Protein backbone atom coordinates (compact mmCIF):
# COMPACT_ATOMS: atom_id res chain seq x y z
CA MET A 1 103.71 93.92 84.38
CA SER A 2 107.26 94.58 85.53
CA LYS A 3 110.11 92.14 85.04
CA VAL A 4 110.75 90.22 88.25
CA THR A 5 113.97 88.35 89.00
CA ILE A 6 114.31 86.13 92.05
CA TYR A 7 117.50 84.42 93.18
CA THR A 8 116.75 81.17 94.99
CA THR A 9 117.98 77.82 96.19
CA LYS A 10 116.03 74.58 95.85
CA THR A 11 115.43 73.93 99.55
CA CYS A 12 114.78 77.45 100.83
CA PRO A 13 111.28 77.78 102.37
CA TYR A 14 111.46 81.58 102.11
CA CYS A 15 112.13 81.25 98.39
CA HIS A 16 109.04 79.06 98.02
CA ALA A 17 106.93 81.58 100.00
CA ALA A 18 108.13 84.50 97.86
CA LYS A 19 107.49 82.62 94.62
CA SER A 20 104.04 81.65 95.87
CA LEU A 21 103.12 85.28 96.59
CA LEU A 22 104.42 86.42 93.22
CA ALA A 23 102.44 83.67 91.47
CA LYS A 24 99.31 84.63 93.43
CA LYS A 25 99.78 88.18 92.14
CA GLY A 26 100.05 86.86 88.58
CA ALA A 27 103.63 88.05 88.28
CA LYS A 28 105.86 86.13 85.92
CA PHE A 29 109.41 85.90 87.18
CA ASP A 30 112.83 84.76 86.12
CA GLU A 31 114.23 82.41 88.74
CA ILE A 32 117.97 82.08 89.10
CA ASP A 33 118.94 79.07 91.22
CA VAL A 34 122.22 79.76 93.00
CA SER A 35 122.30 76.45 94.90
CA TYR A 36 125.42 75.15 93.21
CA ASP A 37 126.54 78.06 91.07
CA HIS A 38 129.19 80.06 92.91
CA ASN A 39 129.61 82.58 90.09
CA GLU A 40 125.89 83.32 89.88
CA ARG A 41 125.72 83.65 93.67
CA GLN A 42 128.56 86.19 93.54
CA ARG A 43 126.67 88.17 90.89
CA MET A 44 123.62 88.10 93.19
CA VAL A 45 125.63 89.37 96.18
CA ILE A 46 127.05 92.23 94.13
CA LYS A 47 123.67 93.14 92.65
CA ALA A 48 122.04 92.93 96.14
CA ASN A 49 124.63 95.26 97.72
CA GLY A 50 126.30 92.55 99.76
CA ARG A 51 123.24 90.59 100.85
CA ARG A 52 124.05 86.88 100.76
CA THR A 53 120.78 85.27 101.80
CA VAL A 54 118.12 83.94 99.46
CA PRO A 55 115.76 84.86 98.11
CA GLN A 56 116.90 88.17 96.69
CA ILE A 57 114.12 89.75 94.69
CA PHE A 58 114.29 92.47 92.05
CA ILE A 59 111.24 94.11 90.49
CA GLY A 60 112.39 96.01 87.46
CA GLU A 61 115.58 97.72 88.64
CA THR A 62 114.33 97.95 92.24
CA HIS A 63 115.98 95.65 94.78
CA VAL A 64 113.09 94.56 96.99
CA GLY A 65 115.20 92.40 99.29
CA GLY A 66 114.11 89.05 100.66
CA SER A 67 110.87 87.23 101.32
CA ASP A 68 110.08 89.22 104.47
CA ASP A 69 110.58 92.46 102.54
CA LEU A 70 108.26 91.24 99.78
CA GLN A 71 105.61 90.22 102.33
CA GLU A 72 105.90 93.63 104.00
CA LEU A 73 105.31 95.39 100.69
CA GLU A 74 102.18 93.28 100.28
CA ARG A 75 100.95 94.08 103.83
CA ARG A 76 101.43 97.80 103.18
CA GLY A 77 99.59 97.62 99.86
CA ARG A 78 102.65 98.65 97.85
CA LEU A 79 103.48 95.43 96.00
CA ASP A 80 100.87 95.80 93.27
CA GLY A 81 102.15 99.24 92.41
CA LEU A 82 105.71 98.02 92.11
CA LEU A 83 104.66 95.11 89.94
CA THR A 84 102.88 97.39 87.48
CA THR A 85 105.25 100.39 87.38
CA SER A 86 108.86 99.27 87.85
């Protein structure tokens, strides 16, 4: 299974939804909490091409985007493929 990294904050409901979907898929993920870490948040913004909102999700080297983007991949039947090939 591909390496998954998700940037989150503690109180973000979209972060919880994204993590729940990933867990349902059996995907292990590295979670980086940017709630109080300005430097890590800046790294996230750079890595996510300027996107500042959380969550920001990466599967392998592919920037998926946020929770809505992850859910859309699932609706289109493309998430499983990304999780196994990225």
